[in-house]
Amino acid sequence: MASQNELDNWFLYHTPNSDQQKAYTDIRNKAKELAEMFNAYAHDCADKTAALRELRGTVMAMNLAIACYQPPTVESLQAILDANDDTPVTINPDGSVAVEEEKL
């Protein structure tokens, strides 16, 4: 079952940075090359259509992986280092860090 944080992250618009823009373009270009090869080798049929749909789905899944699951940032790692040893720290899918507040 997906957590609320996962759902919030999955359905949030993630403005791409320049590295992500390049990745999206590279992935689309390679997928297009593969789709063109499918067109060249296979006659039109249900299986070819299914293969092209799955390729499109694969590109979309990679977009999600790039947009929603980023490595920790320097700032997020510093937050971990600055936290008390017993303070719970979570690295979020977007690379940010959540440090749980101490309870009095």
PDB file of N, CA and C in Angstrom:
ATOM      1  N   MET A   1       0.845  -1.180   0.000  1.00  0.00           N
ATOM      2  CA  MET A   1       0.000   0.000   0.000  1.00  0.00           C
ATOM      3  C   MET A   1       0.889   1.242   0.000  1.00  0.00           C
ATOM      4  N   ALA A   2       0.552   2.200  -0.798  1.00  0.00           N
ATOM      5  CA  ALA A   2       1.324   3.437  -0.886  1.00  0.00           C
ATOM      6  C   ALA A   2       1.027   4.328   0.318  1.00  0.00           C
ATOM      7  N   SER A   3       2.075   4.964   0.817  1.00  0.00           N
ATOM      8  CA  SER A   3       1.891   5.907   1.917  1.00  0.00           C
ATOM      9  C   SER A   3       1.355   7.230   1.355  1.00  0.00           C
ATOM     10  N   GLN A   4       0.849   8.069   2.235  1.00  0.00           N
ATOM     11  CA  GLN A   4       0.360   9.383   1.806  1.00  0.00           C
ATOM     12  C   GLN A   4       1.505  10.205   1.232  1.00  0.00           C
ATOM     13  N   ASN A   5       2.698  10.102   1.834  1.00  0.00           N
ATOM     14  CA  ASN A   5       3.853  10.834   1.304  1.00  0.00           C
ATOM     15  C   ASN A   5       4.187  10.391  -0.110  1.00  0.00           C
ATOM     16  N   GLU A   6       4.116   9.087  -0.386  1.00  0.00           N
ATOM     17  CA  GLU A   6       4.372   8.588  -1.742  1.00  0.00           C
ATOM     18  C   GLU A   6       3.342   9.130  -2.722  1.00  0.00           C
ATOM     19  N   LEU A   7       2.070   9.073  -2.344  1.00  0.00           N
ATOM     20  CA  LEU A   7       1.011   9.588  -3.219  1.00  0.00           C
ATOM     21  C   LEU A   7       1.200  11.077  -3.481  1.00  0.00           C
ATOM     22  N   ASP A   8       1.506  11.835  -2.427  1.00  0.00           N
ATOM     23  CA  ASP A   8       1.733  13.266  -2.600  1.00  0.00           C
ATOM     24  C   ASP A   8       2.878  13.514  -3.578  1.00  0.00           C
ATOM     25  N   ASN A   9       3.946  12.754  -3.445  1.00  0.00           N
ATOM     26  CA  ASN A   9       5.119  12.921  -4.297  1.00  0.00           C
ATOM     27  C   ASN A   9       4.832  12.506  -5.741  1.00  0.00           C
ATOM     28  N   TRP A  10       4.128  11.404  -5.926  1.00  0.00           N
ATOM     29  CA  TRP A  10       3.857  10.888  -7.271  1.00  0.00           C
ATOM     30  C   TRP A  10       2.977  11.820  -8.087  1.00  0.00           C
ATOM     31  N   PHE A  11       2.050  12.493  -7.420  1.00  0.00           N
ATOM     32  CA  PHE A  11       1.076  13.309  -8.143  1.00  0.00           C
ATOM     33  C   PHE A  11       1.344  14.799  -8.008  1.00  0.00           C
ATOM     34  N   LEU A  12       2.569  15.139  -7.689  1.00  0.00           N
ATOM     35  CA  LEU A  12       3.005  16.522  -7.600  1.00  0.00           C
ATOM     36  C   LEU A  12       3.806  16.852  -8.852  1.00  0.00           C
ATOM     37  N   TYR A  13       3.650  18.050  -9.384  1.00  0.00           N
ATOM     38  CA  TYR A  13       4.475  18.446 -10.516  1.00  0.00           C
ATOM     39  C   TYR A  13       5.882  18.723 -10.005  1.00  0.00           C
ATOM     40  N   HIS A  14       6.861  18.078 -10.617  1.00  0.00           N
ATOM     41  CA  HIS A  14       8.258  18.265 -10.253  1.00  0.00           C
ATOM     42  C   HIS A  14       8.932  19.052 -11.373  1.00  0.00           C
ATOM     43  N   THR A  15       9.272  20.299 -11.113  1.00  0.00           N
ATOM     44  CA  THR A  15       9.947  21.103 -12.122  1.00  0.00           C
ATOM     45  C   THR A  15      11.325  20.509 -12.374  1.00  0.00           C
ATOM     46  N   PRO A  16      11.614  20.115 -13.619  1.00  0.00           N
ATOM     47  CA  PRO A  16      12.896  19.461 -13.878  1.00  0.00           C
ATOM     48  C   PRO A  16      14.063  20.442 -13.858  1.00  0.00           C
ATOM     49  N   ASN A  17      15.198  19.960 -13.331  1.00  0.00           N
ATOM     50  CA  ASN A  17      16.424  20.744 -13.421  1.00  0.00           C
ATOM     51  C   ASN A  17      17.100  20.405 -14.750  1.00  0.00           C
ATOM     52  N   SER A  18      18.235  21.024 -15.033  1.00  0.00           N
ATOM     53  CA  SER A  18      18.868  20.826 -16.342  1.00  0.00           C
ATOM     54  C   SER A  18      19.344  19.388 -16.543  1.00  0.00           C
ATOM     55  N   ASP A  19      19.831  18.727 -15.493  1.00  0.00           N
ATOM     56  CA  ASP A  19      20.251  17.327 -15.613  1.00  0.00           C
ATOM     57  C   ASP A  19      19.060  16.430 -15.936  1.00  0.00           C
ATOM     58  N   GLN A  20      17.939  16.699 -15.290  1.00  0.00           N
ATOM     59  CA  GLN A  20      16.739  15.906 -15.549  1.00  0.00           C
ATOM     60  C   GLN A  20      16.225  16.145 -16.966  1.00  0.00           C
ATOM     61  N   GLN A  21      16.267  17.397 -17.433  1.00  0.00           N
ATOM     62  CA  GLN A  21      15.833  17.704 -18.802  1.00  0.00           C
ATOM     63  C   GLN A  21      16.648  16.884 -19.796  1.00  0.00           C
ATOM     64  N   LYS A  22      17.965  16.824 -19.586  1.00  0.00           N
ATOM     65  CA  LYS A  22      18.833  16.060 -20.479  1.00  0.00           C
ATOM     66  C   LYS A  22      18.470  14.580 -20.433  1.00  0.00           C
ATOM     67  N   ALA A  23      18.247  14.067 -19.233  1.00  0.00           N
ATOM     68  CA  ALA A  23      17.888  12.651 -19.093  1.00  0.00           C
ATOM     69  C   ALA A  23      16.584  12.352 -19.824  1.00  0.00           C
ATOM     70  N   TYR A  24      15.571  13.199 -19.647  1.00  0.00           N
ATOM     71  CA  TYR A  24      14.289  12.983 -20.334  1.00  0.00           C
ATOM     72  C   TYR A  24      14.478  12.957 -21.847  1.00  0.00           C
ATOM     73  N   THR A  25      15.258  13.905 -22.362  1.00  0.00           N
ATOM     74  CA  THR A  25      15.494  13.976 -23.807  1.00  0.00           C
ATOM     75  C   THR A  25      16.244  12.747 -24.303  1.00  0.00           C
ATOM     76  N   ASP A  26      17.299  12.358 -23.600  1.00  0.00           N
ATOM     77  CA  ASP A  26      18.081  11.178 -23.994  1.00  0.00           C
ATOM     78  C   ASP A  26      17.224   9.920 -24.011  1.00  0.00           C
ATOM     79  N   ILE A  27      16.410   9.750 -22.985  1.00  0.00           N
ATOM     80  CA  ILE A  27      15.553   8.556 -22.886  1.00  0.00           C
ATOM     81  C   ILE A  27      14.528   8.542 -24.020  1.00  0.00           C
ATOM     82  N   ARG A  28      13.886   9.697 -24.272  1.00  0.00           N
ATOM     83  CA  ARG A  28      12.904   9.758 -25.363  1.00  0.00           C
ATOM     84  C   ARG A  28      13.551   9.461 -26.707  1.00  0.00           C
ATOM     85  N   ASN A  29      14.737  10.003 -26.934  1.00  0.00           N
ATOM     86  CA  ASN A  29      15.415   9.772 -28.213  1.00  0.00           C
ATOM     87  C   ASN A  29      15.762   8.299 -28.412  1.00  0.00           C
ATOM     88  N   LYS A  30      16.281   7.645 -27.382  1.00  0.00           N
ATOM     89  CA  LYS A  30      16.625   6.218 -27.500  1.00  0.00           C
ATOM     90  C   LYS A  30      15.365   5.376 -27.676  1.00  0.00           C
ATOM     91  N   ALA A  31      14.303   5.719 -26.940  1.00  0.00           N
ATOM     92  CA  ALA A  31      13.053   4.974 -27.076  1.00  0.00           C
ATOM     93  C   ALA A  31      12.478   5.146 -28.482  1.00  0.00           C
ATOM     94  N   LYS A  32      12.613   6.346 -29.047  1.00  0.00           N
ATOM     95  CA  LYS A  32      12.136   6.578 -30.416  1.00  0.00           C
ATOM     96  C   LYS A  32      12.924   5.727 -31.406  1.00  0.00           C
ATOM     97  N   GLU A  33      14.238   5.623 -31.210  1.00  0.00           N
ATOM     98  CA  GLU A  33      15.055   4.755 -32.074  1.00  0.00           C
ATOM     99  C   GLU A  33      14.554   3.312 -32.011  1.00  0.00           C
ATOM    100  N   LEU A  34      14.270   2.844 -30.825  1.00  0.00           N
ATOM    101  CA  LEU A  34      13.777   1.474 -30.661  1.00  0.00           C
ATOM    102  C   LEU A  34      12.402   1.314 -31.308  1.00  0.00           C
ATOM    103  N   ALA A  35      11.534   2.312 -31.137  1.00  0.00           N
ATOM    104  CA  ALA A  35      10.206   2.255 -31.762  1.00  0.00           C
ATOM    105  C   ALA A  35      10.327   2.216 -33.289  1.00  0.00           C
ATOM    106  N   GLU A  36      11.263   2.986 -33.832  1.00  0.00           N
ATOM    107  CA  GLU A  36      11.473   2.969 -35.283  1.00  0.00           C
ATOM    108  C   GLU A  36      11.981   1.602 -35.749  1.00  0.00           C
ATOM    109  N   MET A  37      12.821   0.966 -34.941  1.00  0.00           N
ATOM    110  CA  MET A  37      13.297  -0.374 -35.279  1.00  0.00           C
ATOM    111  C   MET A  37      12.133  -1.370 -35.234  1.00  0.00           C
ATOM    112  N   PHE A  38      11.258  -1.252 -34.232  1.00  0.00           N
ATOM    113  CA  PHE A  38      10.076  -2.118 -34.173  1.00  0.00           C
ATOM    114  C   PHE A  38       9.264  -1.966 -35.456  1.00  0.00           C
ATOM    115  N   ASN A  39       9.051  -0.707 -35.870  1.00  0.00           N
ATOM    116  CA  ASN A  39       8.285  -0.448 -37.091  1.00  0.00           C
ATOM    117  C   ASN A  39       8.942  -1.075 -38.307  1.00  0.00           C
ATOM    118  N   ALA A  40      10.258  -1.050 -38.368  1.00  0.00           N
ATOM    119  CA  ALA A  40      10.981  -1.579 -39.529  1.00  0.00           C
ATOM    120  C   ALA A  40      10.926  -3.103 -39.599  1.00  0.00           C
ATOM    121  N   TYR A  41      10.952  -3.784 -38.464  1.00  0.00           N
ATOM    122  CA  TYR A  41      11.046  -5.243 -38.459  1.00  0.00           C
ATOM    123  C   TYR A  41       9.722  -5.979 -38.343  1.00  0.00           C
ATOM    124  N   ALA A  42       8.731  -5.351 -37.767  1.00  0.00           N
ATOM    125  CA  ALA A  42       7.473  -6.067 -37.512  1.00  0.00           C
ATOM    126  C   ALA A  42       6.346  -5.502 -38.372  1.00  0.00           C
ATOM    127  N   HIS A  43       5.521  -6.394 -38.870  1.00  0.00           N
ATOM    128  CA  HIS A  43       4.308  -5.978 -39.582  1.00  0.00           C
ATOM    129  C   HIS A  43       3.310  -5.448 -38.564  1.00  0.00           C
ATOM    130  N   ASP A  44       2.395  -4.625 -39.024  1.00  0.00           N
ATOM    131  CA  ASP A  44       1.365  -4.109 -38.122  1.00  0.00           C
ATOM    132  C   ASP A  44       0.532  -5.266 -37.592  1.00  0.00           C
ATOM    133  N   CYS A  45       0.463  -5.351 -36.282  1.00  0.00           N
ATOM    134  CA  CYS A  45      -0.327  -6.396 -35.626  1.00  0.00           C
ATOM    135  C   CYS A  45      -0.525  -6.001 -34.168  1.00  0.00           C
ATOM    136  N   ALA A  46      -1.351  -6.755 -33.483  1.00  0.00           N
ATOM    137  CA  ALA A  46      -1.641  -6.458 -32.079  1.00  0.00           C
ATOM    138  C   ALA A  46      -0.388  -6.522 -31.213  1.00  0.00           C
ATOM    139  N   ASP A  47       0.508  -7.468 -31.502  1.00  0.00           N
ATOM    140  CA  ASP A  47       1.724  -7.590 -30.683  1.00  0.00           C
ATOM    141  C   ASP A  47       2.653  -6.392 -30.872  1.00  0.00           C
ATOM    142  N   LYS A  48       2.759  -5.904 -32.081  1.00  0.00           N
ATOM    143  CA  LYS A  48       3.581  -4.716 -32.312  1.00  0.00           C
ATOM    144  C   LYS A  48       2.985  -3.517 -31.574  1.00  0.00           C
ATOM    145  N   THR A  49       1.682  -3.367 -31.645  1.00  0.00           N
ATOM    146  CA  THR A  49       1.012  -2.289 -30.929  1.00  0.00           C
ATOM    147  C   THR A  49       1.260  -2.406 -29.430  1.00  0.00           C
ATOM    148  N   ALA A  50       1.170  -3.630 -28.904  1.00  0.00           N
ATOM    149  CA  ALA A  50       1.410  -3.851 -27.475  1.00  0.00           C
ATOM    150  C   ALA A  50       2.852  -3.490 -27.110  1.00  0.00           C
ATOM    151  N   ALA A  51       3.804  -3.873 -27.952  1.00  0.00           N
ATOM    152  CA  ALA A  51       5.212  -3.568 -27.690  1.00  0.00           C
ATOM    153  C   ALA A  51       5.445  -2.058 -27.666  1.00  0.00           C
ATOM    154  N   LEU A  52       4.845  -1.344 -28.605  1.00  0.00           N
ATOM    155  CA  LEU A  52       5.006   0.111 -28.636  1.00  0.00           C
ATOM    156  C   LEU A  52       4.355   0.769 -27.421  1.00  0.00           C
ATOM    157  N   ARG A  53       3.212   0.254 -27.002  1.00  0.00           N
ATOM    158  CA  ARG A  53       2.568   0.806 -25.792  1.00  0.00           C
ATOM    159  C   ARG A  53       3.421   0.557 -24.559  1.00  0.00           C
ATOM    160  N   GLU A  54       4.002  -0.631 -24.462  1.00  0.00           N
ATOM    161  CA  GLU A  54       4.853  -0.934 -23.311  1.00  0.00           C
ATOM    162  C   GLU A  54       6.106  -0.068 -23.323  1.00  0.00           C
ATOM    163  N   LEU A  55       6.641   0.200 -24.496  1.00  0.00           N
ATOM    164  CA  LEU A  55       7.799   1.087 -24.600  1.00  0.00           C
ATOM    165  C   LEU A  55       7.438   2.490 -24.113  1.00  0.00           C
ATOM    166  N   ARG A  56       6.282   2.977 -24.519  1.00  0.00           N
ATOM    167  CA  ARG A  56       5.819   4.287 -24.033  1.00  0.00           C
ATOM    168  C   ARG A  56       5.659   4.270 -22.518  1.00  0.00           C
ATOM    169  N   GLY A  57       5.100   3.196 -21.988  1.00  0.00           N
ATOM    170  CA  GLY A  57       4.944   3.080 -20.540  1.00  0.00           C
ATOM    171  C   GLY A  57       6.278   3.043 -19.817  1.00  0.00           C
ATOM    172  N   THR A  58       7.255   2.397 -20.432  1.00  0.00           N
ATOM    173  CA  THR A  58       8.591   2.335 -19.852  1.00  0.00           C
ATOM    174  C   THR A  58       9.209   3.725 -19.772  1.00  0.00           C
ATOM    175  N   VAL A  59       9.055   4.511 -20.828  1.00  0.00           N
ATOM    176  CA  VAL A  59       9.571   5.882 -20.819  1.00  0.00           C
ATOM    177  C   VAL A  59       8.902   6.680 -19.698  1.00  0.00           C
ATOM    178  N   MET A  60       7.603   6.533 -19.551  1.00  0.00           N
ATOM    179  CA  MET A  60       6.891   7.266 -18.495  1.00  0.00           C
ATOM    180  C   MET A  60       7.346   6.827 -17.104  1.00  0.00           C
ATOM    181  N   ALA A  61       7.589   5.527 -16.918  1.00  0.00           N
ATOM    182  CA  ALA A  61       8.063   5.040 -15.627  1.00  0.00           C
ATOM    183  C   ALA A  61       9.451   5.605 -15.317  1.00  0.00           C
ATOM    184  N   MET A  62      10.303   5.703 -16.336  1.00  0.00           N
ATOM    185  CA  MET A  62      11.622   6.300 -16.125  1.00  0.00           C
ATOM    186  C   MET A  62      11.491   7.779 -15.782  1.00  0.00           C
ATOM    187  N   ASN A  63      10.564   8.483 -16.423  1.00  0.00           N
ATOM    188  CA  ASN A  63      10.337   9.884 -16.067  1.00  0.00           C
ATOM    189  C   ASN A  63       9.969  10.012 -14.597  1.00  0.00           C
ATOM    190  N   LEU A  64       9.110   9.126 -14.131  1.00  0.00           N
ATOM    191  CA  LEU A  64       8.716   9.125 -12.721  1.00  0.00           C
ATOM    192  C   LEU A  64       9.920   8.860 -11.830  1.00  0.00           C
ATOM    193  N   ALA A  65      10.742   7.882 -12.200  1.00  0.00           N
ATOM    194  CA  ALA A  65      11.922   7.555 -11.407  1.00  0.00           C
ATOM    195  C   ALA A  65      12.866   8.747 -11.317  1.00  0.00           C
ATOM    196  N   ILE A  66      13.031   9.469 -12.413  1.00  0.00           N
ATOM    197  CA  ILE A  66      13.923  10.627 -12.423  1.00  0.00           C
ATOM    198  C   ILE A  66      13.320  11.788 -11.629  1.00  0.00           C
ATOM    199  N   ALA A  67      12.033  12.023 -11.796  1.00  0.00           N
ATOM    200  CA  ALA A  67      11.385  13.167 -11.151  1.00  0.00           C
ATOM    201  C   ALA A  67      11.203  12.983  -9.647  1.00  0.00           C
ATOM    202  N   CYS A  68      10.854  11.784  -9.230  1.00  0.00           N
ATOM    203  CA  CYS A  68      10.420  11.588  -7.844  1.00  0.00           C
ATOM    204  C   CYS A  68      11.467  10.985  -6.915  1.00  0.00           C
ATOM    205  N   TYR A  69      12.523  10.454  -7.440  1.00  0.00           N
ATOM    206  CA  TYR A  69      13.496   9.770  -6.589  1.00  0.00           C
ATOM    207  C   TYR A  69      14.887  10.307  -6.858  1.00  0.00           C
ATOM    208  N   GLN A  70      15.231  11.388  -6.180  1.00  0.00           N
ATOM    209  CA  GLN A  70      16.515  12.039  -6.360  1.00  0.00           C
ATOM    210  C   GLN A  70      17.461  11.685  -5.225  1.00  0.00           C
ATOM    211  N   PRO A  71      18.765  11.644  -5.503  1.00  0.00           N
ATOM    212  CA  PRO A  71      19.727  11.377  -4.446  1.00  0.00           C
ATOM    213  C   PRO A  71      19.746  12.516  -3.436  1.00  0.00           C
ATOM    214  N   PRO A  72      20.212  12.252  -2.258  1.00  0.00           N
ATOM    215  CA  PRO A  72      20.276  13.305  -1.243  1.00  0.00           C
ATOM    216  C   PRO A  72      21.156  14.464  -1.720  1.00  0.00           C
ATOM    217  N   THR A  73      20.802  15.654  -1.301  1.00  0.00           N
ATOM    218  CA  THR A  73      21.597  16.837  -1.629  1.00  0.00           C
ATOM    219  C   THR A  73      22.648  17.055  -0.556  1.00  0.00           C
ATOM    220  N   VAL A  74      23.604  17.894  -0.830  1.00  0.00           N
ATOM    221  CA  VAL A  74      24.624  18.223   0.167  1.00  0.00           C
ATOM    222  C   VAL A  74      23.950  18.788   1.409  1.00  0.00           C
ATOM    223  N   GLU A  75      22.933  19.639   1.199  1.00  0.00           N
ATOM    224  CA  GLU A  75      22.229  20.238   2.333  1.00  0.00           C
ATOM    225  C   GLU A  75      21.531  19.172   3.170  1.00  0.00           C
ATOM    226  N   SER A  76      20.940  18.187   2.495  1.00  0.00           N
ATOM    227  CA  SER A  76      20.227  17.152   3.249  1.00  0.00           C
ATOM    228  C   SER A  76      21.200  16.287   4.035  1.00  0.00           C
ATOM    229  N   LEU A  77      22.368  16.012   3.450  1.00  0.00           N
ATOM    230  CA  LEU A  77      23.367  15.229   4.187  1.00  0.00           C
ATOM    231  C   LEU A  77      23.909  16.024   5.369  1.00  0.00           C
ATOM    232  N   GLN A  78      24.074  17.337   5.197  1.00  0.00           N
ATOM    233  CA  GLN A  78      24.543  18.173   6.307  1.00  0.00           C
ATOM    234  C   GLN A  78      23.516  18.174   7.437  1.00  0.00           C
ATOM    235  N   ALA A  79      22.239  18.169   7.103  1.00  0.00           N
ATOM    236  CA  ALA A  79      21.194  18.131   8.134  1.00  0.00           C
ATOM    237  C   ALA A  79      21.308  16.858   8.963  1.00  0.00           C
ATOM    238  N   ILE A  80      21.662  15.766   8.301  1.00  0.00           N
ATOM    239  CA  ILE A  80      21.846  14.513   9.042  1.00  0.00           C
ATOM    240  C   ILE A  80      23.035  14.635   9.986  1.00  0.00           C
ATOM    241  N   LEU A  81      24.128  15.200   9.483  1.00  0.00           N
ATOM    242  CA  LEU A  81      25.315  15.359  10.320  1.00  0.00           C
ATOM    243  C   LEU A  81      25.068  16.291  11.500  1.00  0.00           C
ATOM    244  N   ASP A  82      24.240  17.312  11.294  1.00  0.00           N
ATOM    245  CA  ASP A  82      23.961  18.293  12.335  1.00  0.00           C
ATOM    246  C   ASP A  82      22.951  17.795  13.368  1.00  0.00           C
ATOM    247  N   ALA A  83      22.203  16.766  13.058  1.00  0.00           N
ATOM    248  CA  ALA A  83      21.170  16.262  13.969  1.00  0.00           C
ATOM    249  C   ALA A  83      21.823  15.550  15.156  1.00  0.00           C
ATOM    250  N   ASN A  84      21.108  15.537  16.278  1.00  0.00           N
ATOM    251  CA  ASN A  84      21.579  14.774  17.435  1.00  0.00           C
ATOM    252  C   ASN A  84      21.601  13.300  17.064  1.00  0.00           C
ATOM    253  N   ASP A  85      22.464  12.535  17.710  1.00  0.00           N
ATOM    254  CA  ASP A  85      22.606  11.120  17.374  1.00  0.00           C
ATOM    255  C   ASP A  85      21.302  10.347  17.471  1.00  0.00           C
ATOM    256  N   ASP A  86      20.435  10.730  18.388  1.00  0.00           N
ATOM    257  CA  ASP A  86      19.202   9.971  18.584  1.00  0.00           C
ATOM    258  C   ASP A  86      17.998  10.599  17.876  1.00  0.00           C
ATOM    259  N   THR A  87      18.218  11.648  17.085  1.00  0.00           N
ATOM    260  CA  THR A  87      17.129  12.312  16.373  1.00  0.00           C
ATOM    261  C   THR A  87      16.800  11.539  15.098  1.00  0.00           C
ATOM    262  N   PRO A  88      15.545  11.114  14.932  1.00  0.00           N
ATOM    263  CA  PRO A  88      15.169  10.416  13.701  1.00  0.00           C
ATOM    264  C   PRO A  88      15.264  11.349  12.493  1.00  0.00           C
ATOM    265  N   VAL A  89      15.969  10.908  11.465  1.00  0.00           N
ATOM    266  CA  VAL A  89      16.145  11.671  10.236  1.00  0.00           C
ATOM    267  C   VAL A  89      15.699  10.797   9.072  1.00  0.00           C
ATOM    268  N   THR A  90      14.900  11.373   8.183  1.00  0.00           N
ATOM    269  CA  THR A  90      14.408  10.648   7.015  1.00  0.00           C
ATOM    270  C   THR A  90      14.833  11.376   5.761  1.00  0.00           C
ATOM    271  N   ILE A  91      15.407  10.635   4.796  1.00  0.00           N
ATOM    272  CA  ILE A  91      15.691  11.213   3.477  1.00  0.00           C
ATOM    273  C   ILE A  91      14.468  10.943   2.616  1.00  0.00           C
ATOM    274  N   ASN A  92      13.832  12.007   2.163  1.00  0.00           N
ATOM    275  CA  ASN A  92      12.629  11.910   1.344  1.00  0.00           C
ATOM    276  C   ASN A  92      12.988  11.523  -0.093  1.00  0.00           C
ATOM    277  N   PRO A  93      12.018  11.002  -0.858  1.00  0.00           N
ATOM    278  CA  PRO A  93      12.282  10.604  -2.245  1.00  0.00           C
ATOM    279  C   PRO A  93      12.844  11.732  -3.108  1.00  0.00           C
ATOM    280  N   ASP A  94      12.547  12.992  -2.758  1.00  0.00           N
ATOM    281  CA  ASP A  94      13.053  14.108  -3.556  1.00  0.00           C
ATOM    282  C   ASP A  94      14.449  14.546  -3.144  1.00  0.00           C
ATOM    283  N   GLY A  95      15.059  13.818  -2.196  1.00  0.00           N
ATOM    284  CA  GLY A  95      16.413  14.136  -1.759  1.00  0.00           C
ATOM    285  C   GLY A  95      16.455  15.073  -0.564  1.00  0.00           C
ATOM    286  N   SER A  96      15.322  15.631  -0.170  1.00  0.00           N
ATOM    287  CA  SER A  96      15.301  16.495   1.002  1.00  0.00           C
ATOM    288  C   SER A  96      15.293  15.644   2.265  1.00  0.00           C
ATOM    289  N   VAL A  97      15.497  16.296   3.394  1.00  0.00           N
ATOM    290  CA  VAL A  97      15.581  15.574   4.649  1.00  0.00           C
ATOM    291  C   VAL A  97      14.535  16.108   5.607  1.00  0.00           C
ATOM    292  N   ALA A  98      13.908  15.200   6.326  1.00  0.00           N
ATOM    293  CA  ALA A  98      12.985  15.559   7.395  1.00  0.00           C
ATOM    294  C   ALA A  98      13.637  15.153   8.707  1.00  0.00           C
ATOM    295  N   VAL A  99      13.839  16.120   9.599  1.00  0.00           N
ATOM    296  CA  VAL A  99      14.393  15.847  10.913  1.00  0.00           C
ATOM    297  C   VAL A  99      13.260  16.004  11.904  1.00  0.00           C
ATOM    298  N   GLU A 100      12.992  14.932  12.641  1.00  0.00           N
ATOM    299  CA  GLU A 100      11.887  14.963  13.591  1.00  0.00           C
ATOM    300  C   GLU A 100      12.229  15.873  14.750  1.00  0.00           C
ATOM    301  N   GLU A 101      11.293  16.742  15.101  1.00  0.00           N
ATOM    302  CA  GLU A 101      11.473  17.665  16.200  1.00  0.00           C
ATOM    303  C   GLU A 101      11.506  16.918  17.530  1.00  0.00           C
ATOM    304  N   GLU A 102      12.321  17.411  18.441  1.00  0.00           N
ATOM    305  CA  GLU A 102      12.354  16.789  19.773  1.00  0.00           C
ATOM    306  C   GLU A 102      11.039  17.078  20.490  1.00  0.00           C
ATOM    307  N   LYS A 103      10.549  16.084  21.192  1.00  0.00           N
ATOM    308  CA  LYS A 103       9.305  16.243  21.956  1.00  0.00           C
ATOM    309  C   LYS A 103       9.662  16.527  23.398  1.00  0.00           C
ATOM    310  N   LEU A 104       9.031  17.556  23.938  1.00  0.00           N
ATOM    311  CA  LEU A 104       9.309  17.947  25.331  1.00  0.00           C
ATOM    312  C   LEU A 104       8.363  17.287  26.275  1.00  0.00           C
TER     313      LEU A 104
END
